[in-house]
Protein backbone atom coordinates (compact mmCIF):
# COMPACT_ATOMS: atom_id res chain seq x y z
CA MET A 1 -107.98 82.62 -125.31
CA GLU A 2 -104.50 82.40 -127.14
CA LYS A 3 -106.18 80.98 -130.30
CA SER A 4 -108.65 83.79 -130.30
CA LEU A 5 -105.86 86.26 -130.06
CA GLN A 6 -104.05 84.62 -132.89
CA ARG A 7 -107.04 84.84 -135.15
CA GLN A 8 -107.71 88.37 -134.45
CA SER A 9 -104.04 89.13 -135.15
CA ILE A 10 -104.28 87.38 -138.55
CA ARG A 11 -107.51 89.36 -139.36
CA ASN A 12 -105.76 92.61 -138.49
CA ASP A 13 -102.76 91.89 -140.54
CA VAL A 14 -104.41 90.48 -143.57
CA ARG A 15 -106.98 93.28 -143.57
CA LYS A 16 -104.16 95.80 -143.57
CA LYS A 17 -102.55 94.14 -146.63
CA ARG A 18 -105.71 93.92 -148.60
CA ARG A 19 -106.53 97.64 -147.91
CA ALA A 20 -103.04 98.61 -149.07
CA LEU A 21 -103.77 97.27 -152.41
CA THR A 22 -103.94 100.12 -155.10
CA PRO A 23 -107.10 100.85 -157.09
CA ALA A 24 -105.20 99.71 -160.25
CA GLN A 25 -104.19 96.35 -158.52
CA GLN A 26 -107.81 95.89 -157.20
CA GLN A 27 -109.12 96.49 -160.89
CA GLN A 28 -106.56 94.03 -162.33
CA TYR A 29 -107.10 91.34 -159.67
CA ALA A 30 -110.96 91.62 -160.17
CA LEU A 31 -110.75 91.18 -163.94
CA THR A 32 -108.16 88.23 -163.48
CA ILE A 33 -110.59 86.58 -161.06
CA SER A 34 -113.58 87.10 -163.32
CA GLN A 35 -111.85 85.39 -166.15
CA ARG A 36 -110.58 82.49 -164.10
CA VAL A 37 -114.05 81.97 -162.53
CA MET A 38 -115.88 82.13 -165.87
CA THR A 39 -113.82 79.23 -167.17
CA HIS A 40 -114.59 76.99 -164.25
CA PRO A 41 -116.66 73.95 -165.52
CA ARG A 42 -119.10 73.93 -162.60
CA VAL A 43 -119.75 77.64 -162.89
CA MET A 44 -120.32 77.24 -166.60
CA ASP A 45 -122.88 74.53 -165.89
CA ALA A 46 -124.41 76.55 -162.96
CA ALA A 47 -127.70 78.46 -163.10
CA GLN A 48 -128.11 80.01 -159.64
CA LEU A 49 -125.09 81.44 -157.90
CA ALA A 50 -124.75 83.44 -154.84
CA ILE A 51 -121.90 86.06 -154.47
CA PHE A 52 -121.10 88.83 -152.08
CA LEU A 53 -120.70 92.57 -152.64
CA SER A 54 -117.04 93.46 -151.85
CA PHE A 55 -116.44 95.33 -148.45
CA ASP A 56 -113.40 96.56 -146.69
CA GLY A 57 -110.58 95.76 -149.34
CA GLU A 58 -112.28 92.43 -150.35
CA LEU A 59 -111.64 91.36 -153.95
CA ASP A 60 -113.91 93.37 -156.16
CA THR A 61 -116.77 91.13 -157.29
CA GLY A 62 -118.23 93.70 -159.60
CA PRO A 63 -116.62 92.41 -162.75
CA LEU A 64 -117.55 88.89 -161.88
CA ILE A 65 -121.18 89.79 -161.21
CA ALA A 66 -121.39 91.53 -164.53
CA ALA A 67 -119.88 88.59 -166.39
CA LEU A 68 -122.27 86.12 -164.63
CA ARG A 69 -125.32 88.16 -165.60
CA LEU A 70 -123.94 88.58 -169.25
CA ALA A 71 -123.73 84.50 -169.29
CA GLY A 72 -127.37 84.39 -168.33
CA LYS A 73 -126.85 83.28 -164.83
CA GLN A 74 -129.07 84.17 -161.79
CA VAL A 75 -127.13 86.09 -159.21
CA TYR A 76 -128.03 86.03 -155.53
CA LEU A 77 -126.65 88.16 -152.62
CA PRO A 78 -126.58 87.33 -148.96
CA VAL A 79 -129.08 89.07 -146.60
CA LEU A 80 -128.81 89.12 -142.81
CA HIS A 81 -131.76 86.88 -141.73
CA PRO A 82 -134.33 89.24 -139.91
CA PHE A 83 -135.52 86.70 -137.30
CA THR A 84 -132.68 84.28 -136.86
CA PRO A 85 -129.44 86.21 -135.92
CA GLY A 86 -126.21 85.04 -137.31
CA HIS A 87 -127.91 83.56 -140.30
CA LEU A 88 -128.02 84.50 -143.93
CA LEU A 89 -130.77 84.41 -146.67
CA PHE A 90 -130.01 84.68 -150.43
CA LEU A 91 -132.10 87.03 -152.65
CA ARG A 92 -132.00 87.50 -156.46
CA TYR A 93 -130.07 90.40 -157.47
CA ASP A 94 -130.17 92.41 -160.71
CA SER A 95 -129.82 95.97 -161.85
CA HIS A 96 -133.20 97.00 -160.54
CA THR A 97 -133.04 95.39 -157.07
CA PRO A 98 -133.63 97.78 -154.21
CA MET A 99 -130.66 97.92 -151.90
CA VAL A 100 -130.32 98.82 -148.32
CA THR A 101 -127.34 99.05 -145.78
CA ASN A 102 -127.42 96.43 -143.08
CA ARG A 103 -126.36 96.74 -139.46
CA LEU A 104 -122.87 95.64 -140.39
CA HIS A 105 -122.62 98.66 -142.96
CA ILE A 106 -122.84 96.23 -146.02
CA ARG A 107 -125.07 96.82 -149.02
CA GLU A 108 -127.79 94.05 -149.44
CA PRO A 109 -130.96 93.61 -151.30
CA ARG A 110 -134.07 94.96 -149.44
CA LEU A 111 -136.00 91.93 -148.02
CA ASP A 112 -138.42 90.45 -150.39
CA VAL A 113 -139.73 86.93 -149.92
CA THR A 114 -140.47 86.59 -153.59
CA ARG A 115 -136.77 86.87 -154.52
CA LEU A 116 -135.66 84.45 -151.97
CA LEU A 117 -133.92 81.19 -152.90
CA PRO A 118 -133.34 78.33 -150.43
CA ILE A 119 -129.68 77.48 -150.26
CA GLU A 120 -130.25 73.89 -151.44
CA ARG A 121 -131.19 75.46 -154.81
CA LEU A 122 -127.92 77.29 -155.17
CA ASP A 123 -125.41 75.68 -157.42
CA ILE A 124 -122.44 77.72 -156.41
CA LEU A 125 -121.93 79.88 -153.17
CA PHE A 126 -118.92 82.32 -153.44
CA THR A 127 -117.80 83.27 -150.04
CA PRO A 128 -115.82 86.14 -148.70
CA LEU A 129 -112.92 85.67 -146.39
CA VAL A 130 -110.32 87.67 -144.57
CA ALA A 131 -107.55 84.87 -144.64
CA PHE A 132 -107.11 81.30 -145.64
CA ASP A 133 -104.46 78.56 -145.68
CA ASP A 134 -103.63 75.66 -147.97
CA THR A 135 -105.81 73.25 -146.30
CA GLY A 136 -108.98 75.24 -147.24
CA GLN A 137 -109.38 76.74 -143.75
CA ARG A 138 -111.06 80.21 -144.05
CA LEU A 139 -110.94 82.81 -141.51
CA GLY A 140 -113.89 85.35 -141.76
CA MET A 141 -114.78 88.57 -139.98
CA GLY A 142 -115.83 86.62 -136.93
CA GLY A 143 -119.58 86.60 -137.06
CA GLY A 144 -119.65 83.19 -138.24
CA PHE A 145 -122.55 83.84 -140.90
CA TYR A 146 -120.87 81.49 -143.67
CA ASP A 147 -119.85 78.73 -141.14
CA ARG A 148 -123.55 78.56 -140.05
CA THR A 149 -124.66 78.80 -143.80
CA LEU A 150 -122.34 75.97 -144.91
CA MET A 151 -122.69 73.76 -141.75
CA HIS A 152 -125.33 71.42 -143.16
CA TRP A 153 -124.05 71.51 -146.89
CA HIS A 154 -120.31 70.97 -146.32
CA ARG A 155 -119.12 68.51 -148.88
CA ARG A 156 -122.69 67.17 -149.67
CA LEU A 157 -123.31 66.46 -153.06
CA ASP A 158 -126.92 67.95 -153.12
CA GLY A 159 -125.72 71.23 -151.72
CA PRO A 160 -123.91 74.15 -153.38
CA LEU A 161 -120.34 74.16 -154.08
CA ALA A 162 -118.63 76.60 -151.75
CA ILE A 163 -115.81 78.68 -153.36
CA GLY A 164 -113.84 81.29 -151.59
CA LEU A 165 -112.71 84.38 -153.56
CA ALA A 166 -109.59 86.23 -152.19
CA HIS A 167 -106.45 88.26 -152.94
CA ASP A 168 -103.27 86.42 -152.96
CA CYS A 169 -101.96 88.32 -150.21
CA GLN A 170 -104.75 86.78 -147.96
CA GLN A 171 -102.96 83.49 -147.84
CA VAL A 172 -101.22 82.63 -144.43
CA ASP A 173 -99.27 79.66 -143.19
CA ALA A 174 -101.87 78.23 -141.01
CA ILE A 175 -105.23 79.38 -139.46
CA PRO A 176 -105.81 78.14 -135.97
CA ALA A 177 -109.18 76.57 -136.55
CA GLU A 178 -112.16 76.48 -134.10
CA ARG A 179 -114.43 73.56 -133.91
CA TRP A 180 -117.22 75.41 -135.78
CA ASP A 181 -114.95 76.40 -138.72
CA ILE A 182 -116.23 75.10 -142.07
CA PRO A 183 -113.39 74.55 -144.50
CA LEU A 184 -114.01 75.48 -148.18
CA GLN A 185 -113.96 73.10 -151.11
CA GLU A 186 -112.35 75.56 -153.38
CA ILE A 187 -110.56 78.97 -153.16
CA ILE A 188 -109.59 81.10 -156.25
CA THR A 189 -107.28 83.90 -156.11
CA PRO A 190 -105.84 85.83 -159.17
CA SER A 191 -102.91 83.49 -159.49
CA HIS A 192 -104.06 80.18 -157.91
CA HIS A 193 -107.01 77.72 -157.88
CA TRP A 194 -107.06 75.23 -154.88
CA ARG A 195 -109.41 72.27 -154.59
CA TRP A 196 -109.80 69.95 -151.54
């Protein structure tokens, strides 16, 4: 139980820090991340990338999504699986994609199986996170969606490269990991790029 309380305490502290960022800071960090990501060799070679729409003070992915589209990449967004609770699907996203608000109050594409891409066909999977440490351990919101998504693809050469995107203020000394936590292969912040 103590580990669970520690994890929730970290979530609360880091969410306060990222919500305290000013709109000008958010804009600057979003542009910096976009520039950093677009020069990543794996991103430059990638054709199909999944990313998230920012929520609750997360790093604004808007400029990066625009840059990916401009570079001719196919962009996909996560959608809550309608029949398998706790799992994600990935749907193609463009300027004409009909959007809905899911039960977690996050915008996502309206379910359309013709726009669905199996995870194994993704080249890159950008993940949100609440906090991270210098071992690649990520702490999410607690739903386990990305841990379940990455469970079968973690460090496999035939799966997507998982890259976390975060503000620098989201780094903590250590995350008390649970057995189901899947560490990330890379994390990019406005000032650093970690690889494991």
